[in-house]
C-alpha atoms as a PDB file:
ATOM      1  CA  MET A   1      96.268  95.598 170.553  1.00  0.00           C
ATOM      2  CA  THR A   2      92.334  95.547 170.187  1.00  0.00           C
ATOM      3  CA  LEU A   3      91.195  97.151 166.695  1.00  0.00           C
ATOM      4  CA  ASP A   4      88.029  97.916 165.070  1.00  0.00           C
ATOM      5  CA  ILE A   5      88.997  97.286 161.612  1.00  0.00           C
ATOM      6  CA  LEU A   6      92.155  94.846 160.376  1.00  0.00           C
ATOM      7  CA  ALA A   7      92.502  95.498 156.853  1.00  0.00           C
ATOM      8  CA  PHE A   8      93.742  92.580 154.499  1.00  0.00           C
ATOM      9  CA  GLY A   9      95.720  92.901 151.361  1.00  0.00           C
ATOM     10  CA  ALA A  10      97.418  90.427 149.171  1.00  0.00           C
ATOM     11  CA  HIS A  11      99.668  93.357 147.981  1.00  0.00           C
ATOM     12  CA  PRO A  12     100.990  96.866 149.423  1.00  0.00           C
ATOM     13  CA  ASP A  13      98.782  99.229 148.115  1.00  0.00           C
ATOM     14  CA  ASP A  14      95.809  97.083 147.430  1.00  0.00           C
ATOM     15  CA  VAL A  15      94.437  98.178 150.873  1.00  0.00           C
ATOM     16  CA  GLU A  16      95.121 102.397 149.686  1.00  0.00           C
ATOM     17  CA  LEU A  17      93.541 101.800 146.400  1.00  0.00           C
ATOM     18  CA  SER A  18      90.254 100.401 147.745  1.00  0.00           C
ATOM     19  CA  CYS A  19      89.567 101.324 150.612  1.00  0.00           C
ATOM     20  CA  SER A  20      91.664 103.812 152.105  1.00  0.00           C
ATOM     21  CA  GLY A  21      89.028 106.251 152.630  1.00  0.00           C
ATOM     22  CA  THR A  22      86.910 104.192 154.588  1.00  0.00           C
ATOM     23  CA  LEU A  23      90.073 103.686 156.892  1.00  0.00           C
ATOM     24  CA  ILE A  24      90.678 107.162 157.268  1.00  0.00           C
ATOM     25  CA  LYS A  25      87.242 108.453 157.659  1.00  0.00           C
ATOM     26  CA  HIS A  26      86.812 105.689 160.956  1.00  0.00           C
ATOM     27  CA  ILE A  27      89.832 107.094 161.921  1.00  0.00           C
ATOM     28  CA  VAL A  28      88.902 110.407 162.013  1.00  0.00           C
ATOM     29  CA  LYS A  29      85.930 109.169 163.569  1.00  0.00           C
ATOM     30  CA  GLY A  30      87.965 107.909 166.651  1.00  0.00           C
ATOM     31  CA  TYR A  31      87.901 104.319 165.513  1.00  0.00           C
ATOM     32  CA  LYS A  32      90.836 101.826 165.396  1.00  0.00           C
ATOM     33  CA  ALA A  33      92.293  99.954 162.545  1.00  0.00           C
ATOM     34  CA  GLY A  34      95.734  98.358 160.926  1.00  0.00           C
ATOM     35  CA  ILE A  35      96.294  96.591 157.819  1.00  0.00           C
ATOM     36  CA  VAL A  36      97.952  93.438 156.895  1.00  0.00           C
ATOM     37  CA  ASP A  37     100.171  92.964 153.896  1.00  0.00           C
ATOM     38  CA  LEU A  38     100.152  89.320 152.783  1.00  0.00           C
ATOM     39  CA  THR A  39     102.969  89.845 150.430  1.00  0.00           C
ATOM     40  CA  LYS A  40     105.921  92.240 149.410  1.00  0.00           C
ATOM     41  CA  GLY A  41     105.141  92.467 146.262  1.00  0.00           C
ATOM     42  CA  GLU A  42     108.355  91.540 145.031  1.00  0.00           C
ATOM     43  CA  LEU A  43     106.770  90.446 142.020  1.00  0.00           C
ATOM     44  CA  SER A  44     105.882  94.491 140.837  1.00  0.00           C
ATOM     45  CA  THR A  45     107.370  94.937 137.248  1.00  0.00           C
ATOM     46  CA  ARG A  46     108.634  98.801 139.070  1.00  0.00           C
ATOM     47  CA  GLY A  47     110.426  99.242 141.999  1.00  0.00           C
ATOM     48  CA  ASP A  48     111.980  96.697 144.118  1.00  0.00           C
ATOM     49  CA  VAL A  49     111.089  95.548 147.815  1.00  0.00           C
ATOM     50  CA  LYS A  50     113.199  98.748 149.512  1.00  0.00           C
ATOM     51  CA  THR A  51     111.907 101.124 148.191  1.00  0.00           C
ATOM     52  CA  ARG A  52     108.011  99.259 148.637  1.00  0.00           C
ATOM     53  CA  GLN A  53     108.882  99.288 152.194  1.00  0.00           C
ATOM     54  CA  LYS A  54     109.726 102.904 152.749  1.00  0.00           C
ATOM     55  CA  GLU A  55     106.505 104.119 150.203  1.00  0.00           C
ATOM     56  CA  VAL A  56     104.349 101.357 152.854  1.00  0.00           C
ATOM     57  CA  ALA A  57     105.427 103.824 156.154  1.00  0.00           C
ATOM     58  CA  ALA A  58     104.950 106.835 153.989  1.00  0.00           C
ATOM     59  CA  ALA A  59     101.240 105.800 153.301  1.00  0.00           C
ATOM     60  CA  SER A  60     100.388 104.415 156.915  1.00  0.00           C
ATOM     61  CA  LYS A  61     101.658 107.984 157.789  1.00  0.00           C
ATOM     62  CA  ILE A  62      99.199 109.629 155.770  1.00  0.00           C
ATOM     63  CA  ILE A  63      96.091 106.909 156.658  1.00  0.00           C
ATOM     64  CA  GLY A  64      96.857 107.387 160.517  1.00  0.00           C
ATOM     65  CA  ILE A  65      97.774 104.152 161.108  1.00  0.00           C
ATOM     66  CA  LYS A  66     100.468 103.233 163.401  1.00  0.00           C
ATOM     67  CA  ASP A  67      99.627  98.874 163.447  1.00  0.00           C
ATOM     68  CA  ARG A  68     100.821  97.601 159.683  1.00  0.00           C
ATOM     69  CA  GLU A  69     102.353  94.010 159.240  1.00  0.00           C
ATOM     70  CA  ASN A  70     103.617  91.990 155.916  1.00  0.00           C
ATOM     71  CA  LEU A  71     103.304  88.284 156.463  1.00  0.00           C
ATOM     72  CA  GLY A  72     105.647  87.572 153.669  1.00  0.00           C
ATOM     73  CA  PHE A  73     103.816  84.980 151.542  1.00  0.00           C
ATOM     74  CA  ARG A  74     105.560  84.888 147.858  1.00  0.00           C
ATOM     75  CA  ASP A  75     103.864  87.386 145.557  1.00  0.00           C
ATOM     76  CA  GLY A  76     102.224  85.664 142.822  1.00  0.00           C
ATOM     77  CA  PHE A  77     101.506  82.904 144.621  1.00  0.00           C
ATOM     78  CA  ILE A  78      99.403  82.826 147.516  1.00  0.00           C
ATOM     79  CA  ILE A  79      97.780  79.478 148.870  1.00  0.00           C
ATOM     80  CA  ASN A  80      94.910  78.982 151.266  1.00  0.00           C
ATOM     81  CA  ASP A  81      96.276  76.043 152.961  1.00  0.00           C
ATOM     82  CA  GLU A  82      97.126  75.153 156.649  1.00  0.00           C
ATOM     83  CA  ALA A  83      99.924  76.919 156.778  1.00  0.00           C
ATOM     84  CA  HIS A  84      99.021  80.442 155.293  1.00  0.00           C
ATOM     85  CA  GLN A  85      95.931  79.910 157.039  1.00  0.00           C
ATOM     86  CA  LEU A  86      97.702  79.799 160.716  1.00  0.00           C
ATOM     87  CA  GLU A  87      99.748  83.215 159.903  1.00  0.00           C
ATOM     88  CA  VAL A  88      96.339  84.639 159.368  1.00  0.00           C
ATOM     89  CA  ILE A  89      94.501  83.372 162.040  1.00  0.00           C
ATOM     90  CA  LYS A  90      97.338  84.703 164.412  1.00  0.00           C
ATOM     91  CA  MET A  91      97.125  88.291 162.832  1.00  0.00           C
ATOM     92  CA  ILE A  92      93.273  87.739 164.126  1.00  0.00           C
ATOM     93  CA  ARG A  93      93.906  86.690 167.395  1.00  0.00           C
ATOM     94  CA  LYS A  94      96.097  89.225 168.319  1.00  0.00           C
ATOM     95  CA  TYR A  95      94.213  92.141 166.965  1.00  0.00           C
ATOM     96  CA  ARG A  96      90.932  91.057 167.609  1.00  0.00           C
ATOM     97  CA  PRO A  97      88.932  93.341 165.173  1.00  0.00           C
ATOM     98  CA  ALA A  98      85.072  93.361 164.845  1.00  0.00           C
ATOM     99  CA  VAL A  99      85.748  94.105 160.929  1.00  0.00           C
ATOM    100  CA  VAL A 100      87.936  93.183 158.417  1.00  0.00           C
ATOM    101  CA  PHE A 101      88.341  94.016 154.795  1.00  0.00           C
ATOM    102  CA  ALA A 102      89.904  91.734 152.718  1.00  0.00           C
ATOM    103  CA  ASN A 103      90.429  91.888 148.887  1.00  0.00           C
ATOM    104  CA  ALA A 104      88.024  91.590 145.743  1.00  0.00           C
ATOM    105  CA  LYS A 105      86.284  87.640 145.639  1.00  0.00           C
ATOM    106  CA  TYR A 106      87.744  87.858 141.852  1.00  0.00           C
ATOM    107  CA  ASP A 107      90.051  90.053 140.107  1.00  0.00           C
ATOM    108  CA  ARG A 108      93.027  90.466 137.360  1.00  0.00           C
ATOM    109  CA  HIS A 109      95.228  89.894 139.740  1.00  0.00           C
ATOM    110  CA  PRO A 110      95.113  85.626 140.340  1.00  0.00           C
ATOM    111  CA  ASP A 111      96.547  86.814 144.238  1.00  0.00           C
ATOM    112  CA  HIS A 112      93.233  88.566 144.823  1.00  0.00           C
ATOM    113  CA  GLY A 113      90.960  86.127 144.753  1.00  0.00           C
ATOM    114  CA  LYS A 114      93.399  83.931 146.516  1.00  0.00           C
ATOM    115  CA  ALA A 115      93.685  86.264 149.458  1.00  0.00           C
ATOM    116  CA  ALA A 116      89.632  87.068 149.753  1.00  0.00           C
ATOM    117  CA  GLU A 117      89.032  83.102 150.304  1.00  0.00           C
ATOM    118  CA  LEU A 118      92.505  82.521 152.559  1.00  0.00           C
ATOM    119  CA  VAL A 119      90.910  85.690 154.790  1.00  0.00           C
ATOM    120  CA  ARG A 120      87.693  84.294 155.170  1.00  0.00           C
ATOM    121  CA  ASP A 121      88.306  80.628 155.979  1.00  0.00           C
ATOM    122  CA  ALA A 122      90.647  81.880 158.734  1.00  0.00           C
ATOM    123  CA  CYS A 123      88.180  84.344 159.717  1.00  0.00           C
ATOM    124  CA  PHE A 124      86.362  81.531 160.483  1.00  0.00           C
ATOM    125  CA  LEU A 125      88.778  78.861 161.751  1.00  0.00           C
ATOM    126  CA  ALA A 126      90.124  81.588 164.223  1.00  0.00           C
ATOM    127  CA  GLY A 127      87.091  81.182 166.248  1.00  0.00           C
ATOM    128  CA  LEU A 128      88.040  77.607 166.577  1.00  0.00           C
ATOM    129  CA  ALA A 129      89.214  77.014 170.247  1.00  0.00           C
ATOM    130  CA  LYS A 130      90.750  73.382 169.089  1.00  0.00           C
ATOM    131  CA  ILE A 131      92.740  75.225 166.707  1.00  0.00           C
ATOM    132  CA  GLU A 132      95.815  76.848 168.468  1.00  0.00           C
ATOM    133  CA  THR A 133      98.672  79.243 167.205  1.00  0.00           C
ATOM    134  CA  LYS A 134     101.464  81.239 169.303  1.00  0.00           C
ATOM    135  CA  MET A 135     102.971  84.582 169.381  1.00  0.00           C
ATOM    136  CA  LYS A 136     106.161  84.780 171.289  1.00  0.00           C
ATOM    137  CA  GLY A 137     106.036  81.768 173.052  1.00  0.00           C
ATOM    138  CA  GLU A 138     102.154  82.462 174.186  1.00  0.00           C
ATOM    139  CA  LYS A 139      99.103  80.745 173.446  1.00  0.00           C
ATOM    140  CA  GLN A 140      96.807  82.953 171.845  1.00  0.00           C
ATOM    141  CA  LYS A 141      93.154  82.881 172.697  1.00  0.00           C
ATOM    142  CA  PRO A 142      90.028  82.452 169.997  1.00  0.00           C
ATOM    143  CA  PHE A 143      88.641  85.045 168.120  1.00  0.00           C
ATOM    144  CA  ARG A 144      86.263  85.409 165.297  1.00  0.00           C
ATOM    145  CA  PRO A 145      85.448  89.013 163.637  1.00  0.00           C
ATOM    146  CA  LYS A 146      81.818  90.036 163.029  1.00  0.00           C
ATOM    147  CA  VAL A 147      82.192  90.515 159.438  1.00  0.00           C
ATOM    148  CA  VAL A 148      84.403  90.352 156.572  1.00  0.00           C
ATOM    149  CA  TYR A 149      83.951  92.988 153.504  1.00  0.00           C
ATOM    150  CA  ASN A 150      85.449  92.334 150.395  1.00  0.00           C
ATOM    151  CA  TYR A 151      86.588  95.728 148.924  1.00  0.00           C
ATOM    152  CA  GLN A 152      86.255  96.196 145.017  1.00  0.00           C
ATOM    153  CA  GLN A 153      89.788  96.162 142.754  1.00  0.00           C
ATOM    154  CA  ALA A 154      90.201  96.209 139.499  1.00  0.00           C
ATOM    155  CA  LEU A 155      87.253  93.893 137.893  1.00  0.00           C
ATOM    156  CA  HIS A 156      83.598  95.777 138.569  1.00  0.00           C
ATOM    157  CA  GLN A 157      81.662  93.702 140.855  1.00  0.00           C
ATOM    158  CA  PRO A 158      77.777  94.003 142.221  1.00  0.00           C
ATOM    159  CA  ALA A 159      78.503  95.708 145.898  1.00  0.00           C
ATOM    160  CA  ASP A 160      76.534  95.319 148.968  1.00  0.00           C
ATOM    161  CA  PHE A 161      76.730  98.700 150.464  1.00  0.00           C
ATOM    162  CA  VAL A 162      78.823 101.999 149.933  1.00  0.00           C
ATOM    163  CA  VAL A 163      80.451 104.044 152.562  1.00  0.00           C
ATOM    164  CA  ASP A 164      80.479 108.171 151.680  1.00  0.00           C
ATOM    165  CA  ILE A 165      84.222 109.082 151.241  1.00  0.00           C
ATOM    166  CA  SER A 166      83.810 112.086 149.583  1.00  0.00           C
ATOM    167  CA  ASP A 167      85.933 114.461 152.408  1.00  0.00           C
ATOM    168  CA  TYR A 168      88.526 112.080 152.524  1.00  0.00           C
ATOM    169  CA  PHE A 169      88.748 111.383 148.603  1.00  0.00           C
ATOM    170  CA  GLU A 170      91.837 113.323 148.333  1.00  0.00           C
ATOM    171  CA  LYS A 171      93.731 112.321 151.220  1.00  0.00           C
ATOM    172  CA  LYS A 172      92.813 108.914 149.706  1.00  0.00           C
ATOM    173  CA  ILE A 173      94.603 109.846 146.426  1.00  0.00           C
ATOM    174  CA  GLU A 174      97.810 111.237 148.152  1.00  0.00           C
ATOM    175  CA  CYS A 175      98.220 108.161 150.307  1.00  0.00           C
ATOM    176  CA  ILE A 176      98.456 106.123 146.942  1.00  0.00           C
ATOM    177  CA  ARG A 177     100.460 108.932 145.372  1.00  0.00           C
ATOM    178  CA  ALA A 178     102.851 107.725 148.279  1.00  0.00           C
ATOM    179  CA  TYR A 179     103.612 104.628 146.227  1.00  0.00           C
ATOM    180  CA  LYS A 180     105.847 106.731 143.562  1.00  0.00           C
ATOM    181  CA  SER A 181     107.221 103.708 142.142  1.00  0.00           C
ATOM    182  CA  GLN A 182     104.077 102.204 141.370  1.00  0.00           C
ATOM    183  CA  PHE A 183     101.999 104.874 139.693  1.00  0.00           C
ATOM    184  CA  TYR A 184     102.334 107.645 137.457  1.00  0.00           C
ATOM    185  CA  ASN A 185     104.929 109.416 137.964  1.00  0.00           C
ATOM    186  CA  PRO A 186     106.831 111.045 134.506  1.00  0.00           C
ATOM    187  CA  ALA A 187     110.221 111.184 135.477  1.00  0.00           C
ATOM    188  CA  SER A 188     110.215 107.436 135.856  1.00  0.00           C
ATOM    189  CA  LYS A 189     112.207 105.295 133.296  1.00  0.00           C
ATOM    190  CA  GLU A 190     110.548 102.161 134.278  1.00  0.00           C
ATOM    191  CA  PRO A 191     108.915  99.976 131.946  1.00  0.00           C
ATOM    192  CA  GLN A 192     104.493 101.361 131.693  1.00  0.00           C
ATOM    193  CA  THR A 193     102.529  98.971 133.504  1.00  0.00           C
ATOM    194  CA  TYR A 194      98.676  98.979 133.565  1.00  0.00           C
ATOM    195  CA  ILE A 195      98.879 100.983 137.294  1.00  0.00           C
ATOM    196  CA  SER A 196     101.237 103.395 136.231  1.00  0.00           C
ATOM    197  CA  SER A 197      99.909 105.055 133.070  1.00  0.00           C
ATOM    198  CA  PRO A 198      98.124 108.575 134.765  1.00  0.00           C
ATOM    199  CA  GLU A 199      94.617 107.148 132.951  1.00  0.00           C
ATOM    200  CA  PHE A 200      94.243 104.454 136.102  1.00  0.00           C
ATOM    201  CA  LEU A 201      93.960 106.899 138.558  1.00  0.00           C
ATOM    202  CA  ASP A 202      91.563 108.798 136.347  1.00  0.00           C
ATOM    203  CA  TYR A 203      90.053 105.066 137.075  1.00  0.00           C
ATOM    204  CA  ILE A 204      89.860 105.332 140.872  1.00  0.00           C
ATOM    205  CA  LYS A 205      88.429 108.661 140.491  1.00  0.00           C
ATOM    206  CA  ALA A 206      85.640 107.514 138.097  1.00  0.00           C
ATOM    207  CA  ARG A 207      85.013 104.147 140.065  1.00  0.00           C
ATOM    208  CA  ASP A 208      84.903 105.946 143.890  1.00  0.00           C
ATOM    209  CA  SER A 209      82.526 108.657 141.835  1.00  0.00           C
ATOM    210  CA  TYR A 210      80.339 105.570 140.202  1.00  0.00           C
ATOM    211  CA  PHE A 211      79.782 104.312 143.706  1.00  0.00           C
ATOM    212  CA  GLY A 212      78.866 107.806 145.097  1.00  0.00           C
ATOM    213  CA  VAL A 213      76.018 108.626 142.924  1.00  0.00           C
ATOM    214  CA  PRO A 214      73.691 106.411 144.066  1.00  0.00           C
ATOM    215  CA  ILE A 215      73.879 107.632 147.719  1.00  0.00           C
ATOM    216  CA  GLY A 216      74.406 111.449 146.447  1.00  0.00           C
ATOM    217  CA  ALA A 217      77.698 111.668 147.472  1.00  0.00           C
ATOM    218  CA  LYS A 218      80.892 112.368 145.022  1.00  0.00           C
ATOM    219  CA  TYR A 219      83.004 109.705 146.077  1.00  0.00           C
ATOM    220  CA  ALA A 220      82.042 106.304 147.397  1.00  0.00           C
ATOM    221  CA  GLU A 221      83.909 103.010 148.333  1.00  0.00           C
ATOM    222  CA  ALA A 222      82.352  99.837 147.411  1.00  0.00           C
ATOM    223  CA  PHE A 223      81.835  96.737 149.469  1.00  0.00           C
ATOM    224  CA  SER A 224      80.477  92.808 149.279  1.00  0.00           C
ATOM    225  CA  VAL A 225      79.741  90.546 151.988  1.00  0.00           C
ATOM    226  CA  ASN A 226      78.958  86.970 152.627  1.00  0.00           C
ATOM    227  CA  ARG A 227      75.851  87.012 154.491  1.00  0.00           C
ATOM    228  CA  LEU A 228      73.093  89.245 155.396  1.00  0.00           C
ATOM    229  CA  VAL A 229      73.508  92.473 157.012  1.00  0.00           C
ATOM    230  CA  GLY A 230      71.110  92.742 160.301  1.00  0.00           C
ATOM    231  CA  VAL A 231      70.613  96.066 160.685  1.00  0.00           C
ATOM    232  CA  ASN A 232      69.071  97.638 164.231  1.00  0.00           C
ATOM    233  CA  ASP A 233      67.423 100.812 163.005  1.00  0.00           C
ATOM    234  CA  LEU A 234      66.284 101.767 159.645  1.00  0.00           C
ATOM    235  CA  MET A 235      67.502 105.347 160.084  1.00  0.00           C
ATOM    236  CA  ASN A 236      70.814 104.207 159.540  1.00  0.00           C
ATOM    237  CA  LEU A 237      70.419 103.478 155.685  1.00  0.00           C
ATOM    238  CA  LEU A 238      69.360 107.091 155.059  1.00  0.00           C
END
C-alpha cells in the first residue's frame, strides 16, 4: 500500500490541472503515486457525478496511477474539523506517502484553500500515536509524511520550486481532456463556465510555460512549501 507520492484534490480534476505532469514524470521514473479526491464535484455546473466518475477513471489510466479514492465530502462545504481530518488521516496512514501534494493555499474556489489547510493539518496529526483510526476493523499505525507541497491553481501564487514537465505536458493535456464534461467541448449544449472556454486550456499552457522559463524548460509545474526545504547535494539544484 505504500506510495511515494499521494496527491489530494478538493475536486476530481484538481490534480490533473495542477500537478499531473509531475505525477506522470515520477511514475515513469519508477515511483509509486496515488490520488485522493475529497469530493465528487457534485456542484459542478456541467456534467454529473456518474459522468465524472467515468472521466476520473479515464484520466487515472492516462496518468498511470492505480490507487485513487474519493472521500465523498460535500462539494462546496469542505470543513477543516475533526471529522474531516480523521478521514484524511486514514488515507495518509493507509498509503504512508513520503510526499503529499495539496491544493493551493488560497484560490478562486473556496474549497481549494480549505482543502489545503485540511490536508496540512491532517498530515501532522497522522503522526500522533494517541489519535486512533481504524480501517477494515484494524487499528492503523501513526505515520507523518516528510513534506506537504501545495500546487498552483487558478490564482497565481509565489512558488518555492518548479518541476520540469516538458516531456510530459502533452500527456497532461490528454488527461485533462478526459474530463469531457468540464472543459472545452464545442459539441456540448451545457452552460459555459470559467473552465469550459477554449481560453482556459490556453491559460494552463501559458502558466506552465511561464514557470518553465526560469529553469530553461518549455513547461514546468510550480509548488510552494510551508517550511524550509533541505538539500543534501547542491548539484541537485542545477
